[in-house]
Amino acid sequence: PLERTDEHGCTRLYRASFRQQAEVVEWLLAQGVCRDSDKWASTPLHGICWQGRGDDEKNAAIERIVRTLVAAGFSMEARDDEGR
């Protein structure tokens, strides 16, 4: 199932965002994957925002994922369970 979490409690959508897999993020959203936070109340936007600066290709993937998630309705104001 697309909704399952990994051994760390992260959703597939969070993990794809964290790994900068833009195509996977887009595919999961198109499949209607559950948009719940992970066990720490982190959203996929939290996952992609953990990424630092990189080369142009990496930056393009990060921007693409952020734009995709915001367009899909993820809040830029969401906080995890530690208030970050």
PDB file of N, CA and C in Angstrom:
ATOM      1  N   PRO A   1       0.819  -1.205   0.000  1.00  0.00           N
ATOM      2  CA  PRO A   1       0.000   0.000   0.000  1.00  0.00           C
ATOM      3  C   PRO A   1       0.858   1.262   0.000  1.00  0.00           C
ATOM      4  N   LEU A   2       0.386   2.258  -0.691  1.00  0.00           N
ATOM      5  CA  LEU A   2       1.135   3.515  -0.786  1.00  0.00           C
ATOM      6  C   LEU A   2       1.207   4.262   0.538  1.00  0.00           C
ATOM      7  N   GLU A   3       0.267   4.000   1.442  1.00  0.00           N
ATOM      8  CA  GLU A   3       0.221   4.733   2.695  1.00  0.00           C
ATOM      9  C   GLU A   3       1.167   4.216   3.765  1.00  0.00           C
ATOM     10  N   ARG A   4       1.772   3.098   3.564  1.00  0.00           N
ATOM     11  CA  ARG A   4       2.577   2.534   4.646  1.00  0.00           C
ATOM     12  C   ARG A   4       3.788   3.405   4.964  1.00  0.00           C
ATOM     13  N   THR A   5       4.286   3.235   6.159  1.00  0.00           N
ATOM     14  CA  THR A   5       5.470   3.968   6.597  1.00  0.00           C
ATOM     15  C   THR A   5       6.669   3.027   6.627  1.00  0.00           C
ATOM     16  N   ASP A   6       7.857   3.618   6.649  1.00  0.00           N
ATOM     17  CA  ASP A   6       9.062   2.799   6.715  1.00  0.00           C
ATOM     18  C   ASP A   6       9.401   2.479   8.171  1.00  0.00           C
ATOM     19  N   GLU A   7      10.533   1.855   8.381  1.00  0.00           N
ATOM     20  CA  GLU A   7      10.930   1.427   9.727  1.00  0.00           C
ATOM     21  C   GLU A   7      11.165   2.592  10.686  1.00  0.00           C
ATOM     22  N   HIS A   8      11.259   3.819  10.144  1.00  0.00           N
ATOM     23  CA  HIS A   8      11.474   5.004  10.979  1.00  0.00           C
ATOM     24  C   HIS A   8      10.183   5.784  11.200  1.00  0.00           C
ATOM     25  N   GLY A   9       9.083   5.302  10.653  1.00  0.00           N
ATOM     26  CA  GLY A   9       7.802   5.978  10.793  1.00  0.00           C
ATOM     27  C   GLY A   9       7.551   7.057   9.758  1.00  0.00           C
ATOM     28  N   CYS A  10       8.381   7.106   8.717  1.00  0.00           N
ATOM     29  CA  CYS A  10       8.231   8.120   7.669  1.00  0.00           C
ATOM     30  C   CYS A  10       7.308   7.604   6.573  1.00  0.00           C
ATOM     31  N   THR A  11       6.428   8.478   6.092  1.00  0.00           N
ATOM     32  CA  THR A  11       5.548   8.104   4.984  1.00  0.00           C
ATOM     33  C   THR A  11       6.367   8.050   3.693  1.00  0.00           C
ATOM     34  N   ARG A  12       5.813   7.384   2.697  1.00  0.00           N
ATOM     35  CA  ARG A  12       6.501   7.317   1.395  1.00  0.00           C
ATOM     36  C   ARG A  12       6.645   8.706   0.781  1.00  0.00           C
ATOM     37  N   LEU A  13       5.630   9.533   0.949  1.00  0.00           N
ATOM     38  CA  LEU A  13       5.692  10.884   0.397  1.00  0.00           C
ATOM     39  C   LEU A  13       6.774  11.702   1.090  1.00  0.00           C
ATOM     40  N   TYR A  14       6.877  11.588   2.408  1.00  0.00           N
ATOM     41  CA  TYR A  14       7.947  12.276   3.144  1.00  0.00           C
ATOM     42  C   TYR A  14       9.309  11.779   2.657  1.00  0.00           C
ATOM     43  N   ARG A  15       9.462  10.470   2.572  1.00  0.00           N
ATOM     44  CA  ARG A  15      10.755   9.891   2.190  1.00  0.00           C
ATOM     45  C   ARG A  15      11.152  10.318   0.771  1.00  0.00           C
ATOM     46  N   ALA A  16      10.203  10.331  -0.162  1.00  0.00           N
ATOM     47  CA  ALA A  16      10.505  10.759  -1.531  1.00  0.00           C
ATOM     48  C   ALA A  16      10.914  12.229  -1.553  1.00  0.00           C
ATOM     49  N   SER A  17      10.257  13.047  -0.735  1.00  0.00           N
ATOM     50  CA  SER A  17      10.623  14.464  -0.648  1.00  0.00           C
ATOM     51  C   SER A  17      12.030  14.607  -0.085  1.00  0.00           C
ATOM     52  N   PHE A  18      12.293  13.913   1.015  1.00  0.00           N
ATOM     53  CA  PHE A  18      13.602  13.979   1.659  1.00  0.00           C
ATOM     54  C   PHE A  18      14.716  13.560   0.700  1.00  0.00           C
ATOM     55  N   ARG A  19      14.424  12.567  -0.123  1.00  0.00           N
ATOM     56  CA  ARG A  19      15.435  12.058  -1.065  1.00  0.00           C
ATOM     57  C   ARG A  19      15.486  12.852  -2.372  1.00  0.00           C
ATOM     58  N   GLN A  20      14.694  13.910  -2.453  1.00  0.00           N
ATOM     59  CA  GLN A  20      14.682  14.804  -3.624  1.00  0.00           C
ATOM     60  C   GLN A  20      14.257  14.079  -4.893  1.00  0.00           C
ATOM     61  N   GLN A  21      13.281  13.207  -4.773  1.00  0.00           N
ATOM     62  CA  GLN A  21      12.771  12.433  -5.903  1.00  0.00           C
ATOM     63  C   GLN A  21      11.493  13.091  -6.424  1.00  0.00           C
ATOM     64  N   ALA A  22      11.663  14.137  -7.223  1.00  0.00           N
ATOM     65  CA  ALA A  22      10.535  14.938  -7.700  1.00  0.00           C
ATOM     66  C   ALA A  22       9.503  14.102  -8.444  1.00  0.00           C
ATOM     67  N   GLU A  23       9.949  13.222  -9.314  1.00  0.00           N
ATOM     68  CA  GLU A  23       9.014  12.410 -10.086  1.00  0.00           C
ATOM     69  C   GLU A  23       8.195  11.496  -9.181  1.00  0.00           C
ATOM     70  N   VAL A  24       8.820  10.966  -8.152  1.00  0.00           N
ATOM     71  CA  VAL A  24       8.119  10.079  -7.223  1.00  0.00           C
ATOM     72  C   VAL A  24       7.101  10.880  -6.411  1.00  0.00           C
ATOM     73  N   VAL A  25       7.476  12.069  -5.954  1.00  0.00           N
ATOM     74  CA  VAL A  25       6.543  12.931  -5.224  1.00  0.00           C
ATOM     75  C   VAL A  25       5.316  13.205  -6.087  1.00  0.00           C
ATOM     76  N   GLU A  26       5.538  13.594  -7.331  1.00  0.00           N
ATOM     77  CA  GLU A  26       4.429  13.898  -8.233  1.00  0.00           C
ATOM     78  C   GLU A  26       3.564  12.663  -8.475  1.00  0.00           C
ATOM     79  N   TRP A  27       4.183  11.512  -8.663  1.00  0.00           N
ATOM     80  CA  TRP A  27       3.439  10.281  -8.905  1.00  0.00           C
ATOM     81  C   TRP A  27       2.597   9.903  -7.691  1.00  0.00           C
ATOM     82  N   LEU A  28       3.198   9.958  -6.508  1.00  0.00           N
ATOM     83  CA  LEU A  28       2.463   9.621  -5.291  1.00  0.00           C
ATOM     84  C   LEU A  28       1.251  10.536  -5.101  1.00  0.00           C
ATOM     85  N   LEU A  29       1.423  11.822  -5.327  1.00  0.00           N
ATOM     86  CA  LEU A  29       0.300  12.755  -5.209  1.00  0.00           C
ATOM     87  C   LEU A  29      -0.777  12.448  -6.247  1.00  0.00           C
ATOM     88  N   ALA A  30      -0.370  12.113  -7.462  1.00  0.00           N
ATOM     89  CA  ALA A  30      -1.328  11.776  -8.518  1.00  0.00           C
ATOM     90  C   ALA A  30      -2.114  10.507  -8.176  1.00  0.00           C
ATOM     91  N   GLN A  31      -1.506   9.614  -7.398  1.00  0.00           N
ATOM     92  CA  GLN A  31      -2.164   8.384  -6.987  1.00  0.00           C
ATOM     93  C   GLN A  31      -3.093   8.598  -5.802  1.00  0.00           C
ATOM     94  N   GLY A  32      -3.100   9.809  -5.272  1.00  0.00           N
ATOM     95  CA  GLY A  32      -3.960  10.107  -4.132  1.00  0.00           C
ATOM     96  C   GLY A  32      -3.440   9.562  -2.819  1.00  0.00           C
ATOM     97  N   VAL A  33      -2.128   9.453  -2.715  1.00  0.00           N
ATOM     98  CA  VAL A  33      -1.522   8.917  -1.503  1.00  0.00           C
ATOM     99  C   VAL A  33      -1.960   9.729  -0.282  1.00  0.00           C
ATOM    100  N   CYS A  34      -2.025   9.060   0.839  1.00  0.00           N
ATOM    101  CA  CYS A  34      -2.375   9.701   2.097  1.00  0.00           C
ATOM    102  C   CYS A  34      -1.387  10.839   2.366  1.00  0.00           C
ATOM    103  N   ARG A  35      -1.900  11.963   2.782  1.00  0.00           N
ATOM    104  CA  ARG A  35      -1.061  13.142   2.986  1.00  0.00           C
ATOM    105  C   ARG A  35      -0.796  13.399   4.462  1.00  0.00           C
ATOM    106  N   ASP A  36      -0.991  12.391   5.297  1.00  0.00           N
ATOM    107  CA  ASP A  36      -0.740  12.548   6.728  1.00  0.00           C
ATOM    108  C   ASP A  36       0.736  12.809   6.988  1.00  0.00           C
ATOM    109  N   SER A  37       0.985  13.392   8.138  1.00  0.00           N
ATOM    110  CA  SER A  37       2.354  13.614   8.590  1.00  0.00           C
ATOM    111  C   SER A  37       2.942  12.295   9.072  1.00  0.00           C
ATOM    112  N   ASP A  38       4.251  12.291   9.275  1.00  0.00           N
ATOM    113  CA  ASP A  38       4.881  11.091   9.826  1.00  0.00           C
ATOM    114  C   ASP A  38       4.686  11.074  11.343  1.00  0.00           C
ATOM    115  N   LYS A  39       5.316  10.143  12.021  1.00  0.00           N
ATOM    116  CA  LYS A  39       5.065   9.994  13.455  1.00  0.00           C
ATOM    117  C   LYS A  39       5.568  11.174  14.281  1.00  0.00           C
ATOM    118  N   TRP A  40       6.359  12.065  13.701  1.00  0.00           N
ATOM    119  CA  TRP A  40       6.835  13.254  14.415  1.00  0.00           C
ATOM    120  C   TRP A  40       6.079  14.502  13.980  1.00  0.00           C
ATOM    121  N   ALA A  41       5.000  14.315  13.248  1.00  0.00           N
ATOM    122  CA  ALA A  41       4.183  15.417  12.704  1.00  0.00           C
ATOM    123  C   ALA A  41       4.946  16.203  11.640  1.00  0.00           C
ATOM    124  N   SER A  42       5.938  15.585  11.027  1.00  0.00           N
ATOM    125  CA  SER A  42       6.678  16.220   9.936  1.00  0.00           C
ATOM    126  C   SER A  42       5.935  15.990   8.628  1.00  0.00           C
ATOM    127  N   THR A  43       5.888  17.018   7.802  1.00  0.00           N
ATOM    128  CA  THR A  43       5.247  16.912   6.497  1.00  0.00           C
ATOM    129  C   THR A  43       6.318  16.707   5.430  1.00  0.00           C
ATOM    130  N   PRO A  44       5.912  16.373   4.205  1.00  0.00           N
ATOM    131  CA  PRO A  44       6.895  16.269   3.124  1.00  0.00           C
ATOM    132  C   PRO A  44       7.660  17.579   2.896  1.00  0.00           C
ATOM    133  N   LEU A  45       7.034  18.717   3.203  1.00  0.00           N
ATOM    134  CA  LEU A  45       7.765  19.988   3.093  1.00  0.00           C
ATOM    135  C   LEU A  45       8.898  20.057   4.100  1.00  0.00           C
ATOM    136  N   HIS A  46       8.688  19.518   5.291  1.00  0.00           N
ATOM    137  CA  HIS A  46       9.782  19.453   6.262  1.00  0.00           C
ATOM    138  C   HIS A  46      10.931  18.616   5.685  1.00  0.00           C
ATOM    139  N   GLY A  47      10.567  17.509   5.054  1.00  0.00           N
ATOM    140  CA  GLY A  47      11.587  16.619   4.501  1.00  0.00           C
ATOM    141  C   GLY A  47      12.452  17.289   3.461  1.00  0.00           C
ATOM    142  N   ILE A  48      11.838  18.009   2.536  1.00  0.00           N
ATOM    143  CA  ILE A  48      12.631  18.647   1.486  1.00  0.00           C
ATOM    144  C   ILE A  48      13.402  19.848   2.022  1.00  0.00           C
ATOM    145  N   CYS A  49      12.847  20.509   3.033  1.00  0.00           N
ATOM    146  CA  CYS A  49      13.528  21.689   3.579  1.00  0.00           C
ATOM    147  C   CYS A  49      14.764  21.337   4.401  1.00  0.00           C
ATOM    148  N   TRP A  50      14.935  20.067   4.752  1.00  0.00           N
ATOM    149  CA  TRP A  50      16.149  19.636   5.433  1.00  0.00           C
ATOM    150  C   TRP A  50      17.360  19.692   4.500  1.00  0.00           C
ATOM    151  N   GLN A  51      17.088  19.734   3.212  1.00  0.00           N
ATOM    152  CA  GLN A  51      18.170  19.670   2.228  1.00  0.00           C
ATOM    153  C   GLN A  51      18.909  21.002   2.158  1.00  0.00           C
ATOM    154  N   GLY A  52      20.209  20.925   2.077  1.00  0.00           N
ATOM    155  CA  GLY A  52      21.023  22.125   1.988  1.00  0.00           C
ATOM    156  C   GLY A  52      21.226  22.554   0.554  1.00  0.00           C
ATOM    157  N   ARG A  53      22.088  23.488   0.394  1.00  0.00           N
ATOM    158  CA  ARG A  53      22.414  23.945  -0.952  1.00  0.00           C
ATOM    159  C   ARG A  53      23.242  22.879  -1.655  1.00  0.00           C
ATOM    160  N   GLY A  54      23.069  22.838  -2.934  1.00  0.00           N
ATOM    161  CA  GLY A  54      23.806  21.863  -3.715  1.00  0.00           C
ATOM    162  C   GLY A  54      24.067  22.412  -5.096  1.00  0.00           C
ATOM    163  N   ASP A  55      24.275  21.517  -6.025  1.00  0.00           N
ATOM    164  CA  ASP A  55      24.499  21.948  -7.398  1.00  0.00           C
ATOM    165  C   ASP A  55      23.172  22.368  -8.028  1.00  0.00           C
ATOM    166  N   ASP A  56      23.235  22.875  -9.248  1.00  0.00           N
ATOM    167  CA  ASP A  56      22.035  23.380  -9.911  1.00  0.00           C
ATOM    168  C   ASP A  56      20.974  22.303 -10.100  1.00  0.00           C
ATOM    169  N   GLU A  57      21.394  21.076 -10.395  1.00  0.00           N
ATOM    170  CA  GLU A  57      20.430  19.994 -10.587  1.00  0.00           C
ATOM    171  C   GLU A  57      19.690  19.693  -9.285  1.00  0.00           C
ATOM    172  N   LYS A  58      20.433  19.655  -8.185  1.00  0.00           N
ATOM    173  CA  LYS A  58      19.826  19.402  -6.880  1.00  0.00           C
ATOM    174  C   LYS A  58      18.880  20.541  -6.515  1.00  0.00           C
ATOM    175  N   ASN A  59      19.297  21.780  -6.718  1.00  0.00           N
ATOM    176  CA  ASN A  59      18.449  22.922  -6.408  1.00  0.00           C
ATOM    177  C   ASN A  59      17.174  22.913  -7.238  1.00  0.00           C
ATOM    178  N   ALA A  60      17.255  22.505  -8.489  1.00  0.00           N
ATOM    179  CA  ALA A  60      16.082  22.440  -9.358  1.00  0.00           C
ATOM    180  C   ALA A  60      15.095  21.399  -8.833  1.00  0.00           C
ATOM    181  N   ALA A  61      15.588  20.264  -8.367  1.00  0.00           N
ATOM    182  CA  ALA A  61      14.714  19.223  -7.814  1.00  0.00           C
ATOM    183  C   ALA A  61      14.048  19.714  -6.536  1.00  0.00           C
ATOM    184  N   ILE A  62      14.800  20.388  -5.691  1.00  0.00           N
ATOM    185  CA  ILE A  62      14.247  20.919  -4.444  1.00  0.00           C
ATOM    186  C   ILE A  62      13.148  21.929  -4.752  1.00  0.00           C
ATOM    187  N   GLU A  63      13.412  22.849  -5.660  1.00  0.00           N
ATOM    188  CA  GLU A  63      12.408  23.851  -6.020  1.00  0.00           C
ATOM    189  C   GLU A  63      11.163  23.186  -6.610  1.00  0.00           C
ATOM    190  N   ARG A  64      11.359  22.219  -7.464  1.00  0.00           N
ATOM    191  CA  ARG A  64      10.239  21.516  -8.093  1.00  0.00           C
ATOM    192  C   ARG A  64       9.360  20.837  -7.047  1.00  0.00           C
ATOM    193  N   ILE A  65       9.983  20.191  -6.076  1.00  0.00           N
ATOM    194  CA  ILE A  65       9.227  19.499  -5.032  1.00  0.00           C
ATOM    195  C   ILE A  65       8.490  20.495  -4.144  1.00  0.00           C
ATOM    196  N   VAL A  66       9.149  21.576  -3.752  1.00  0.00           N
ATOM    197  CA  VAL A  66       8.487  22.583  -2.916  1.00  0.00           C
ATOM    198  C   VAL A  66       7.272  23.140  -3.648  1.00  0.00           C
ATOM    199  N   ARG A  67       7.440  23.509  -4.904  1.00  0.00           N
ATOM    200  CA  ARG A  67       6.316  24.053  -5.688  1.00  0.00           C
ATOM    201  C   ARG A  67       5.181  23.025  -5.815  1.00  0.00           C
ATOM    202  N   THR A  68       5.533  21.778  -6.049  1.00  0.00           N
ATOM    203  CA  THR A  68       4.531  20.715  -6.186  1.00  0.00           C
ATOM    204  C   THR A  68       3.743  20.535  -4.888  1.00  0.00           C
ATOM    205  N   LEU A  69       4.447  20.489  -3.767  1.00  0.00           N
ATOM    206  CA  LEU A  69       3.790  20.276  -2.479  1.00  0.00           C
ATOM    207  C   LEU A  69       2.911  21.461  -2.084  1.00  0.00           C
ATOM    208  N   VAL A  70       3.397  22.668  -2.318  1.00  0.00           N
ATOM    209  CA  VAL A  70       2.592  23.856  -2.000  1.00  0.00           C
ATOM    210  C   VAL A  70       1.351  23.885  -2.890  1.00  0.00           C
ATOM    211  N   ALA A  71       1.510  23.580  -4.173  1.00  0.00           N
ATOM    212  CA  ALA A  71       0.370  23.553  -5.080  1.00  0.00           C
ATOM    213  C   ALA A  71      -0.636  22.472  -4.673  1.00  0.00           C
ATOM    214  N   ALA A  72      -0.154  21.400  -4.050  1.00  0.00           N
ATOM    215  CA  ALA A  72      -1.024  20.318  -3.605  1.00  0.00           C
ATOM    216  C   ALA A  72      -1.704  20.637  -2.270  1.00  0.00           C
ATOM    217  N   GLY A  73      -1.370  21.797  -1.686  1.00  0.00           N
ATOM    218  CA  GLY A  73      -2.045  22.232  -0.479  1.00  0.00           C
ATOM    219  C   GLY A  73      -1.294  22.051   0.823  1.00  0.00           C
ATOM    220  N   PHE A  74      -0.035  21.660   0.758  1.00  0.00           N
ATOM    221  CA  PHE A  74       0.739  21.540   1.989  1.00  0.00           C
ATOM    222  C   PHE A  74       1.073  22.931   2.513  1.00  0.00           C
ATOM    223  N   SER A  75       0.910  23.118   3.801  1.00  0.00           N
ATOM    224  CA  SER A  75       1.097  24.429   4.420  1.00  0.00           C
ATOM    225  C   SER A  75       2.571  24.744   4.661  1.00  0.00           C
ATOM    226  N   MET A  76       2.937  25.954   4.281  1.00  0.00           N
ATOM    227  CA  MET A  76       4.293  26.442   4.560  1.00  0.00           C
ATOM    228  C   MET A  76       4.441  26.784   6.045  1.00  0.00           C
ATOM    229  N   GLU A  77       3.330  26.820   6.765  1.00  0.00           N
ATOM    230  CA  GLU A  77       3.332  27.177   8.185  1.00  0.00           C
ATOM    231  C   GLU A  77       3.268  25.962   9.112  1.00  0.00           C
ATOM    232  N   ALA A  78       3.219  24.754   8.564  1.00  0.00           N
ATOM    233  CA  ALA A  78       3.109  23.543   9.393  1.00  0.00           C
ATOM    234  C   ALA A  78       4.316  23.409  10.308  1.00  0.00           C
ATOM    235  N   ARG A  79       4.065  22.917  11.492  1.00  0.00           N
ATOM    236  CA  ARG A  79       5.135  22.696  12.477  1.00  0.00           C
ATOM    237  C   ARG A  79       5.138  21.223  12.890  1.00  0.00           C
ATOM    238  N   ASP A  80       6.351  20.727  13.146  1.00  0.00           N
ATOM    239  CA  ASP A  80       6.434  19.348  13.625  1.00  0.00           C
ATOM    240  C   ASP A  80       6.150  19.332  15.129  1.00  0.00           C
ATOM    241  N   ASP A  81       6.282  18.177  15.760  1.00  0.00           N
ATOM    242  CA  ASP A  81       5.928  18.090  17.178  1.00  0.00           C
ATOM    243  C   ASP A  81       6.934  18.768  18.099  1.00  0.00           C
ATOM    244  N   GLU A  82       8.041  19.273  17.552  1.00  0.00           N
ATOM    245  CA  GLU A  82       9.004  20.061  18.329  1.00  0.00           C
ATOM    246  C   GLU A  82       8.874  21.548  18.014  1.00  0.00           C
ATOM    247  N   GLY A  83       7.855  21.904  17.226  1.00  0.00           N
ATOM    248  CA  GLY A  83       7.607  23.309  16.915  1.00  0.00           C
ATOM    249  C   GLY A  83       8.452  23.869  15.786  1.00  0.00           C
ATOM    250  N   ARG A  84       9.176  23.019  15.064  1.00  0.00           N
ATOM    251  CA  ARG A  84      10.014  23.507  13.959  1.00  0.00           C
ATOM    252  C   ARG A  84       9.171  23.671  12.718  1.00  0.00           C
TER     253      ARG A  84
END
